[in-house]
């Protein structure tokens, strides 16, 4: 099914019926740290569906949860959305009752501004044609507006600036690729480049699109859930935010199931520095304008519970499978972009653990290695130090038997493995050959525990002097302090 997926140009405005904008309104004030101090960079964005859309979301499981996440957790229960407002330069986290009031006010202001500037005039879809029967007039319920923030923790929002930004952004909403790119810029903090993708695929006899935009470079090890409650298998972790649009027609519960599956194998599989943010958020809006028969929750549940081969053979599951495959692709590509743009990152490493007793143990082993400062610094130096790797395995929550462990390296996705350790003992592979295997900017690390049937993958990064330099700041200069 992936063969029918085509990557296309554009951003979150690529699916039919979505508008976007990004503006500068000076949210990040003097003394609020690094990240979005990139001059007059856009720092507030709007994403709007021309018609009410189905919504699903996943949010940080950090017990210290930012105000915008609390607002989203309430609004997502409705199952419907029409707008997202997001700012950079201020996380609105640990800001107490005032912070929650400000996040709620952002939703109210957005509902009002979008209604005044979009719903009251003739709309055009992303192909430039008037949507006629899809035209939407009238007010937007505040509960249909979602809020996200990223930046320094513990600073209240400059609401006069935020209000000015929301009003300005509503006036310049557009369906062009440029409008989508403005959103990608507006949500950046310590990111060095925008992160966005759009794909097109056949769905129920129609052509559908999914597009996404995300940000993240530091404070990256998301562990998100639909309720903000931490599952037992999720470990403790600058914010990652992701916003996805699609014109596919899908029921709210089906969309949530699909997002759970996609994020479990993408954003919840990455780590840059092992820190979970207070603000991590993934939202997906599906407005149904592609015209496909609506994907039902029962079919999505069946798809997830059955094997991929069974799904291919079942005509009823083809549409859910196509949608899931496209959403998986978008989420994984965006997640990898975050790791590759991590603060100070010079190497991208895929850690593959096989032969664990359970998935939870495989994931624990992979995370222990991926987050070990000693392992990460050895990657930075191009050192194939298997001693640090097996040490991290040993203190992980996974069952490890020393004389059963194999450790190997390969080029990304290659089956040709170069072993540094077999059955707990160093191999005769020349040190120079091992060094050559990890000299590339991207490589795979293979760990075989040889104890069971389960496996897990983590997408990780090295640890560099540049990361320390960026994050240590200078207490004599408040503008140099991190978020």
Protein backbone atom coordinates (compact mmCIF):
# COMPACT_ATOMS: atom_id res chain seq x y z
CA UNK A 1 0.00 0.00 0.00
CA UNK A 2 2.96 2.28 0.61
CA UNK A 3 3.69 2.06 -3.13
CA UNK A 4 0.54 4.06 -3.87
CA UNK A 5 1.66 6.84 -1.52
CA UNK A 6 3.08 9.89 -3.28
CA UNK A 7 4.92 12.71 -1.56
CA UNK A 8 3.77 16.07 -2.88
CA UNK A 9 4.87 19.65 -2.48
CA UNK A 10 3.20 21.87 0.05
CA UNK A 11 2.57 21.96 3.73
CA UNK A 12 -0.46 21.66 5.99
CA UNK A 13 -2.56 23.54 3.43
CA UNK A 14 -2.13 20.75 0.85
CA UNK A 15 -5.33 18.86 1.87
CA UNK A 16 -8.57 20.42 0.66
CA UNK A 17 -10.22 23.06 2.79
CA UNK A 18 -7.36 24.08 5.10
CA UNK A 19 -6.06 27.62 5.62
CA UNK A 20 -3.00 28.76 7.54
CA UNK A 21 -0.97 31.80 8.51
CA UNK A 22 1.96 32.87 10.64
CA UNK A 23 2.84 36.33 11.95
CA UNK A 24 5.32 38.10 14.21
CA UNK A 25 3.82 39.67 17.33
CA UNK A 26 6.86 39.79 19.68
CA UNK A 27 5.75 37.14 22.18
CA UNK A 28 9.30 36.38 23.26
CA UNK A 29 10.41 39.36 25.32
CA UNK A 30 13.91 40.33 26.48
CA UNK A 31 15.29 37.99 29.12
CA UNK A 32 13.19 34.95 28.26
CA UNK A 33 16.05 32.83 26.99
CA UNK A 34 17.32 31.17 23.84
CA UNK A 35 15.35 29.48 21.13
CA UNK A 36 13.17 31.85 19.17
CA UNK A 37 15.50 34.84 19.48
CA UNK A 38 16.03 34.80 15.72
CA UNK A 39 15.18 38.41 15.11
CA UNK A 40 11.70 39.16 13.76
CA UNK A 41 10.81 35.51 13.27
CA UNK A 42 7.10 34.70 13.04
CA UNK A 43 5.96 33.53 16.47
CA UNK A 44 2.19 32.94 16.24
CA UNK A 45 0.31 30.72 13.81
CA UNK A 46 -3.23 29.71 12.93
CA UNK A 47 -4.41 26.52 11.22
CA UNK A 48 -8.07 26.57 10.16
CA UNK A 49 -10.42 24.10 8.49
CA UNK A 50 -13.08 25.70 6.34
CA UNK A 51 -15.58 23.21 7.77
CA UNK A 52 -15.77 21.53 11.19
CA UNK A 53 -13.32 18.63 11.30
CA UNK A 54 -12.90 15.44 13.24
CA UNK A 55 -10.02 15.78 15.73
CA UNK A 56 -7.70 13.45 17.62
CA UNK A 57 -4.78 14.27 19.87
CA UNK A 58 -1.96 12.90 21.99
CA UNK A 59 -0.37 14.90 24.78
CA UNK A 60 2.55 14.90 27.17
CA UNK A 61 2.39 12.50 30.10
CA UNK A 62 4.62 14.77 32.17
CA UNK A 63 2.93 15.28 35.56
CA UNK A 64 3.77 18.98 35.21
CA UNK A 65 1.46 19.83 32.34
CA UNK A 66 1.28 23.20 30.53
CA UNK A 67 -1.93 25.25 30.41
CA UNK A 68 -2.52 24.82 26.64
CA UNK A 69 -2.32 21.05 27.02
CA UNK A 70 -5.00 21.21 29.74
CA UNK A 71 -7.23 23.19 27.39
CA UNK A 72 -6.69 20.69 24.57
CA UNK A 73 -7.44 17.74 26.84
CA UNK A 74 -10.85 19.27 27.54
CA UNK A 75 -11.62 20.31 23.98
CA UNK A 76 -10.60 17.00 22.38
CA UNK A 77 -13.44 15.26 24.23
CA UNK A 78 -15.87 16.99 21.84
CA UNK A 79 -14.33 15.18 18.86
CA UNK A 80 -14.63 18.27 16.65
CA UNK A 81 -12.19 21.06 15.78
CA UNK A 82 -11.98 23.94 13.36
CA UNK A 83 -8.90 25.91 14.38
CA UNK A 84 -5.52 25.62 16.09
CA UNK A 85 -3.62 28.59 17.52
CA UNK A 86 0.02 28.08 18.45
CA UNK A 87 2.75 30.38 19.70
CA UNK A 88 6.49 30.05 20.15
CA UNK A 89 8.73 31.94 22.58
CA UNK A 90 6.66 31.15 25.67
CA UNK A 91 5.52 27.71 26.92
CA UNK A 92 2.76 29.04 29.20
CA UNK A 93 3.76 26.24 31.60
CA UNK A 94 3.93 26.52 35.41
CA UNK A 95 2.01 29.79 35.14
CA UNK A 96 -0.83 28.81 37.51
CA UNK A 97 -4.41 30.06 37.22
CA UNK A 98 -3.36 33.01 35.08
CA UNK A 99 -1.72 30.70 32.55
CA UNK A 100 -4.87 28.59 32.22
CA UNK A 101 -6.99 31.72 31.88
CA UNK A 102 -4.63 32.99 29.15
CA UNK A 103 -4.79 29.69 27.22
CA UNK A 104 -8.58 29.77 27.36
CA UNK A 105 -8.52 33.38 26.22
CA UNK A 106 -6.34 32.41 23.24
CA UNK A 107 -9.04 29.93 22.20
CA UNK A 108 -11.78 32.53 22.62
CA UNK A 109 -9.90 35.20 20.69
CA UNK A 110 -9.17 32.76 17.88
CA UNK A 111 -12.79 31.64 17.59
CA UNK A 112 -13.84 35.28 17.39
CA UNK A 113 -11.16 36.34 14.89
CA UNK A 114 -11.64 33.36 12.58
CA UNK A 115 -15.42 33.83 12.58
CA UNK A 116 -14.99 37.51 11.72
CA UNK A 117 -12.38 37.05 9.01
CA UNK A 118 -13.12 33.65 7.50
CA UNK A 119 -16.62 32.39 8.24
CA UNK A 120 -18.24 35.69 7.26
CA UNK A 121 -16.83 35.72 3.73
CA UNK A 122 -16.85 33.36 0.77
CA UNK A 123 -14.24 30.65 1.21
CA UNK A 124 -12.05 28.91 -1.29
CA UNK A 125 -10.59 25.44 -1.02
CA UNK A 126 -6.91 24.64 -1.58
CA UNK A 127 -7.45 24.22 -5.35
CA UNK A 128 -8.72 27.80 -5.57
CA UNK A 129 -12.35 26.87 -6.28
CA UNK A 130 -15.28 27.86 -4.09
CA UNK A 131 -16.45 24.86 -2.07
CA UNK A 132 -20.15 25.77 -2.49
CA UNK A 133 -21.94 23.21 -0.30
CA UNK A 134 -18.96 23.10 2.02
CA UNK A 135 -19.06 26.83 2.67
CA UNK A 136 -19.24 27.56 6.38
CA UNK A 137 -20.69 30.72 7.84
CA UNK A 138 -21.25 31.75 11.43
CA UNK A 139 -19.53 31.50 14.76
CA UNK A 140 -16.99 28.88 15.81
CA UNK A 141 -17.52 27.32 19.27
CA UNK A 142 -14.57 28.00 21.57
CA UNK A 143 -14.41 24.25 22.29
CA UNK A 144 -13.54 23.75 18.59
CA UNK A 145 -10.32 25.77 18.97
CA UNK A 146 -7.12 24.07 20.14
CA UNK A 147 -4.15 25.82 21.74
CA UNK A 148 -0.42 25.00 21.79
CA UNK A 149 2.61 26.86 23.11
CA UNK A 150 6.37 26.33 23.19
CA UNK A 151 9.24 28.26 24.75
CA UNK A 152 10.55 29.11 28.19
CA UNK A 153 8.74 27.65 31.21
CA UNK A 154 7.38 29.83 34.01
CA UNK A 155 6.81 33.09 32.14
CA UNK A 156 3.31 34.51 31.67
CA UNK A 157 2.17 35.31 28.16
CA UNK A 158 2.14 38.95 26.96
CA UNK A 159 -1.55 38.73 26.13
CA UNK A 160 -1.77 42.15 24.46
CA UNK A 161 0.79 40.92 21.91
CA UNK A 162 -0.95 37.55 21.59
CA UNK A 163 -4.30 39.21 20.89
CA UNK A 164 -2.72 41.47 18.28
CA UNK A 165 -1.09 38.43 16.68
CA UNK A 166 -4.27 36.37 16.53
CA UNK A 167 -6.19 39.23 14.91
CA UNK A 168 -3.40 39.81 12.38
CA UNK A 169 -3.04 36.10 11.58
CA UNK A 170 -6.79 35.69 10.99
CA UNK A 171 -6.70 38.46 8.38
CA UNK A 172 -3.99 36.79 6.29
CA UNK A 173 -5.16 33.16 6.37
CA UNK A 174 -4.48 31.50 3.04
CA UNK A 175 -4.46 28.12 1.31
CA UNK A 176 -1.10 28.53 -0.44
CA UNK A 177 2.03 26.53 0.30
CA UNK A 178 3.63 29.76 1.44
CA UNK A 179 0.96 30.14 4.15
CA UNK A 180 1.80 26.65 5.39
CA UNK A 181 5.50 27.49 5.44
CA UNK A 182 4.72 30.51 7.62
CA UNK A 183 3.26 28.14 10.22
CA UNK A 184 6.38 25.96 10.08
CA UNK A 185 8.49 29.04 10.82
CA UNK A 186 6.21 30.44 13.51
CA UNK A 187 6.35 27.32 15.70
CA UNK A 188 10.16 27.01 15.66
CA UNK A 189 12.22 27.67 18.79
CA UNK A 190 15.72 26.15 18.84
CA UNK A 191 15.02 24.43 15.52
CA UNK A 192 17.44 25.33 12.76
CA UNK A 193 15.03 24.54 9.92
CA UNK A 194 11.29 24.05 9.33
CA UNK A 195 9.86 20.53 9.30
CA UNK A 196 6.91 19.69 7.05
CA UNK A 197 5.60 17.02 4.69
CA UNK A 198 2.56 16.32 2.49
CA UNK A 199 1.42 13.10 0.81
CA UNK A 200 -1.37 12.03 -1.54
CA UNK A 201 -2.91 8.55 -1.76
CA UNK A 202 -6.00 6.75 -3.11
CA UNK A 203 -8.77 6.28 -0.56
CA UNK A 204 -12.12 4.63 -1.23
CA UNK A 205 -12.19 5.58 -4.90
CA UNK A 206 -11.08 9.16 -4.21
CA UNK A 207 -7.76 10.97 -3.83
CA UNK A 208 -6.92 12.02 -0.26
CA UNK A 209 -4.09 13.98 1.30
CA UNK A 210 -2.37 14.08 4.66
CA UNK A 211 0.08 16.84 5.58
CA UNK A 212 1.97 17.73 8.70
CA UNK A 213 4.21 20.30 10.28
CA UNK A 214 6.22 19.91 13.47
CA UNK A 215 8.88 21.52 15.64
CA UNK A 216 11.38 20.17 18.10
CA UNK A 217 15.12 20.10 18.67
CA UNK A 218 15.69 19.92 22.44
CA UNK A 219 13.80 18.57 25.47
CA UNK A 220 12.93 15.66 23.21
CA UNK A 221 11.83 12.24 24.42
CA UNK A 222 8.06 12.33 23.99
CA UNK A 223 5.86 9.83 25.78
CA UNK A 224 2.37 10.92 24.83
CA UNK A 225 -1.10 9.52 25.50
CA UNK A 226 -4.63 10.51 24.53
CA UNK A 227 -5.54 11.44 28.11
CA UNK A 228 -2.24 12.77 29.44
CA UNK A 229 -2.09 9.78 31.81
CA UNK A 230 1.17 7.85 31.74
CA UNK A 231 0.94 4.20 30.66
CA UNK A 232 3.22 1.85 32.57
CA UNK A 233 5.43 1.31 29.53
CA UNK A 234 6.11 5.02 28.97
CA UNK A 235 9.25 6.36 30.71
CA UNK A 236 9.68 9.83 32.13
CA UNK A 237 10.96 12.40 29.51
CA UNK A 238 12.38 21.98 24.06
CA UNK A 239 8.94 20.68 23.39
CA UNK A 240 7.83 18.79 20.33
CA UNK A 241 4.66 19.96 18.64
CA UNK A 242 3.03 18.39 15.59
CA UNK A 243 -0.05 19.45 13.64
CA UNK A 244 -1.52 17.22 10.94
CA UNK A 245 -4.28 17.99 8.46
CA UNK A 246 -6.15 15.61 6.19
CA UNK A 247 -9.17 15.84 3.91
CA UNK A 248 -10.03 12.18 4.54
CA UNK A 249 -13.42 11.35 6.03
CA UNK A 250 -13.00 9.34 9.23
CA UNK A 251 -14.91 8.89 12.49
CA UNK A 252 -13.42 10.54 15.61
CA UNK A 253 -12.71 7.24 17.41
CA UNK A 254 -11.18 5.79 14.26
CA UNK A 255 -8.94 8.84 13.91
CA UNK A 256 -7.81 8.55 17.52
CA UNK A 257 -7.00 4.85 17.06
CA UNK A 258 -5.02 5.62 13.90
CA UNK A 259 -3.11 8.45 15.61
CA UNK A 260 -2.33 6.25 18.63
CA UNK A 261 -0.83 3.64 16.30
CA UNK A 262 1.16 6.16 14.23
CA UNK A 263 2.61 8.04 17.21
CA UNK A 264 3.51 4.85 19.06
CA UNK A 265 5.88 4.02 16.21
CA UNK A 266 7.21 7.51 15.52
CA UNK A 267 7.16 10.39 18.01
CA UNK A 268 7.11 8.03 21.01
CA UNK A 269 10.14 6.27 19.49
CA UNK A 270 12.54 9.24 19.40
CA UNK A 271 14.97 10.78 21.86
CA UNK A 272 17.47 13.61 21.61
CA UNK A 273 18.31 14.31 25.24
CA UNK A 274 15.97 12.10 27.30
CA UNK A 275 13.84 14.97 28.61
CA UNK A 276 10.04 14.95 28.33
CA UNK A 277 8.48 18.36 27.82
CA UNK A 278 5.54 19.87 29.67
CA UNK A 279 3.95 20.83 26.33
CA UNK A 280 4.30 17.88 23.91
CA UNK A 281 1.27 17.81 21.61
CA UNK A 282 0.19 16.05 18.43
CA UNK A 283 -3.12 17.08 16.85
CA UNK A 284 -4.73 15.81 13.65
CA UNK A 285 -7.76 17.40 11.94
CA UNK A 286 -9.77 15.48 9.32
CA UNK A 287 -12.40 17.53 7.47
CA UNK A 288 -13.76 14.89 5.06
CA UNK A 289 -13.56 17.04 1.91
CA UNK A 290 -11.82 14.25 -0.05
CA UNK A 291 -15.27 12.67 -0.32
CA UNK A 292 -14.30 9.08 0.52
CA UNK A 293 -16.73 6.79 2.39
CA UNK A 294 -16.19 7.57 6.09
CA UNK A 295 -13.74 5.24 7.80
CA UNK A 296 -15.43 3.59 10.78
CA UNK A 297 -13.93 2.96 14.19
CA UNK A 298 -14.91 -0.72 14.08
CA UNK A 299 -12.91 -1.22 10.87
CA UNK A 300 -9.91 0.63 12.31
CA UNK A 301 -10.00 -1.58 15.43
CA UNK A 302 -10.13 -4.68 13.26
CA UNK A 303 -7.24 -3.43 11.13
CA UNK A 304 -5.03 -2.83 14.16
CA UNK A 305 -5.82 -6.24 15.64
CA UNK A 306 -5.20 -8.19 12.42
CA UNK A 307 -2.04 -8.88 10.45
CA UNK A 308 -1.09 -6.65 7.48
CA UNK A 309 -1.68 -9.63 5.14
CA UNK A 310 -5.25 -10.04 6.39
CA UNK A 311 -5.91 -6.33 5.86
CA UNK A 312 -4.73 -6.50 2.26
CA UNK A 313 -7.04 -9.44 1.55
CA UNK A 314 -10.09 -7.75 3.10
CA UNK A 315 -11.84 -5.20 0.81
CA UNK A 316 -13.48 -3.62 3.86
CA UNK A 317 -10.12 -2.88 5.45
CA UNK A 318 -8.37 -1.43 2.41
CA UNK A 319 -9.38 2.17 3.12
CA UNK A 320 -8.42 2.03 6.82
CA UNK A 321 -5.14 0.36 5.87
CA UNK A 322 -4.35 3.02 3.23
CA UNK A 323 -5.11 5.81 5.68
CA UNK A 324 -3.07 4.21 8.47
CA UNK A 325 -0.12 3.65 6.16
CA UNK A 326 -0.14 7.30 5.03
CA UNK A 327 -0.48 8.63 8.58
CA UNK A 328 2.33 6.33 9.76
CA UNK A 329 4.58 7.64 7.00
CA UNK A 330 3.88 11.30 7.77
CA UNK A 331 4.44 10.87 11.52
CA UNK A 332 7.65 8.85 11.15
CA UNK A 333 9.20 11.23 8.63
CA UNK A 334 8.41 14.24 10.85
CA UNK A 335 9.75 12.44 13.93
CA UNK A 336 13.04 11.67 12.19
CA UNK A 337 13.32 15.32 11.11
CA UNK A 338 13.19 16.30 14.79
CA UNK A 339 16.07 13.98 15.73
CA UNK A 340 18.20 15.04 12.78
CA UNK A 341 17.71 18.69 13.80
CA UNK A 342 18.36 18.02 17.49
CA UNK A 343 20.36 20.62 19.41
CA UNK A 344 24.01 20.08 18.53
CA UNK A 345 23.33 16.75 16.82
CA UNK A 346 25.99 15.44 14.45
CA UNK A 347 24.88 11.78 14.16
CA UNK A 348 21.51 10.05 13.74
CA UNK A 349 21.48 6.50 15.14
CA UNK A 350 18.70 3.91 14.83
CA UNK A 351 18.91 1.59 17.84
CA UNK A 352 17.37 -1.80 17.04
CA UNK A 353 16.88 -4.27 19.91
CA UNK A 354 15.82 -7.83 19.08
CA UNK A 355 15.38 -11.02 21.07
CA UNK A 356 13.91 -9.47 24.22
CA UNK A 357 11.42 -11.31 26.43
CA UNK A 358 8.75 -8.65 25.84
CA UNK A 359 8.21 -5.41 23.95
CA UNK A 360 8.46 -3.46 27.22
CA UNK A 361 11.88 -4.99 27.89
CA UNK A 362 13.05 -4.37 24.31
CA UNK A 363 11.97 -0.73 24.58
CA UNK A 364 13.65 -0.34 27.98
CA UNK A 365 16.92 -1.74 26.63
CA UNK A 366 16.83 0.50 23.56
CA UNK A 367 16.08 3.64 25.62
CA UNK A 368 18.84 2.87 28.13
CA UNK A 369 21.38 2.75 25.32
CA UNK A 370 19.94 5.70 23.39
CA UNK A 371 19.93 7.96 26.47
CA UNK A 372 23.30 6.95 27.95
CA UNK A 373 25.55 10.01 28.02
CA UNK A 374 28.60 7.75 27.67
CA UNK A 375 27.18 5.96 24.65
CA UNK A 376 26.03 9.21 23.03
CA UNK A 377 29.43 10.89 23.47
CA UNK A 378 31.17 7.84 22.01
CA UNK A 379 28.93 8.14 18.95
CA UNK A 380 29.99 11.76 18.66
CA UNK A 381 33.62 10.70 18.65
CA UNK A 382 33.07 7.89 16.15
CA UNK A 383 34.02 5.31 18.78
CA UNK A 384 32.35 1.85 18.43
CA UNK A 385 32.49 1.38 22.20
CA UNK A 386 30.53 -1.82 22.84
CA UNK A 387 31.55 -1.73 26.51
CA UNK A 388 29.39 1.34 27.15
CA UNK A 389 26.51 -0.24 25.23
CA UNK A 390 26.46 -3.50 27.17
CA UNK A 391 26.85 -1.55 30.42
CA UNK A 392 23.69 0.44 29.59
CA UNK A 393 21.88 -2.79 28.73
CA UNK A 394 22.87 -4.24 32.08
CA UNK A 395 21.34 -1.44 34.16
CA UNK A 396 18.19 -1.23 32.02
CA UNK A 397 14.87 -2.76 33.10
CA UNK A 398 15.31 -5.51 30.50
CA UNK A 399 16.44 -9.03 31.31
CA UNK A 400 20.01 -9.35 30.02
CA UNK A 401 22.29 -12.40 30.06
CA UNK A 402 25.84 -11.30 29.36
CA UNK A 403 26.97 -14.37 27.41
CA UNK A 404 23.97 -14.18 25.07
CA UNK A 405 24.32 -10.55 23.90
CA UNK A 406 25.32 -9.69 20.31
CA UNK A 407 26.14 -6.13 19.22
CA UNK A 408 26.58 -5.06 15.60
CA UNK A 409 26.54 -2.06 13.27
CA UNK A 410 25.25 -1.48 9.75
CA UNK A 411 24.46 1.19 7.22
CA UNK A 412 20.87 2.51 7.60
CA UNK A 413 18.44 -0.29 6.73
CA UNK A 414 21.20 -2.67 5.59
CA UNK A 415 21.21 -6.40 6.42
CA UNK A 416 25.00 -6.54 6.25
CA UNK A 417 26.01 -6.44 9.92
CA UNK A 418 29.48 -5.86 11.34
CA UNK A 419 29.68 -7.47 14.78
CA UNK A 420 31.71 -6.02 17.63
CA UNK A 421 30.35 -8.48 20.20
CA UNK A 422 28.99 -12.03 19.89
CA UNK A 423 27.68 -14.05 22.82
CA UNK A 424 29.12 -11.49 25.21
CA UNK A 425 32.65 -11.67 23.80
CA UNK A 426 34.50 -9.27 21.49
CA UNK A 427 34.82 -10.42 17.88
CA UNK A 428 37.93 -10.45 15.74
CA UNK A 429 36.57 -7.63 13.58
CA UNK A 430 39.42 -5.11 13.18
CA UNK A 431 38.96 -1.94 15.20
CA UNK A 432 39.40 0.14 12.05
CA UNK A 433 36.49 -1.70 10.41
CA UNK A 434 34.27 -1.01 13.44
CA UNK A 435 35.29 2.66 13.39
CA UNK A 436 34.43 2.86 9.70
CA UNK A 437 30.98 1.39 10.46
CA UNK A 438 30.14 4.23 12.88
CA UNK A 439 31.93 7.03 11.03
CA UNK A 440 28.89 7.87 8.92
CA UNK A 441 26.47 10.62 9.95
CA UNK A 442 23.74 7.96 10.09
CA UNK A 443 24.04 4.29 11.03
CA UNK A 444 22.08 1.48 12.69
CA UNK A 445 23.05 -0.16 15.99
CA UNK A 446 21.82 -3.77 16.30
CA UNK A 447 21.48 -5.40 19.72
CA UNK A 448 20.41 -9.04 19.99
CA UNK A 449 19.53 -10.17 23.50
CA UNK A 450 18.69 -13.72 22.29
CA UNK A 451 16.18 -14.32 25.07
CA UNK A 452 12.76 -13.98 23.43
CA UNK A 453 10.62 -12.94 20.45
CA UNK A 454 10.23 -9.19 20.99
CA UNK A 455 11.90 -6.16 19.42
CA UNK A 456 11.87 -2.37 19.58
CA UNK A 457 13.36 0.56 17.70
CA UNK A 458 14.47 3.97 19.01
CA UNK A 459 15.66 6.84 16.82
CA UNK A 460 18.45 8.61 18.70
CA UNK A 461 21.20 11.21 18.44
CA UNK A 462 24.71 11.74 19.72
CA UNK A 463 25.72 14.18 22.46
CA UNK A 464 28.07 17.01 21.47
CA UNK A 465 29.88 19.97 22.94
CA UNK A 466 27.51 22.13 20.91
CA UNK A 467 24.53 20.76 22.88
CA UNK A 468 26.20 21.68 26.18
CA UNK A 469 27.19 25.11 24.90
CA UNK A 470 23.69 25.84 23.70
CA UNK A 471 21.95 24.76 26.89
CA UNK A 472 24.27 25.90 29.67
CA UNK A 473 23.65 29.60 29.00
CA UNK A 474 25.22 32.44 30.94
CA UNK A 475 23.54 33.55 34.18
CA UNK A 476 24.98 37.06 33.75
CA UNK A 477 23.04 37.36 30.49
CA UNK A 478 19.36 36.32 30.82
CA UNK A 479 18.97 36.28 27.04
CA UNK A 480 21.52 33.43 26.91
CA UNK A 481 19.52 31.09 29.15
CA UNK A 482 17.68 28.13 27.68
CA UNK A 483 13.95 27.39 27.67
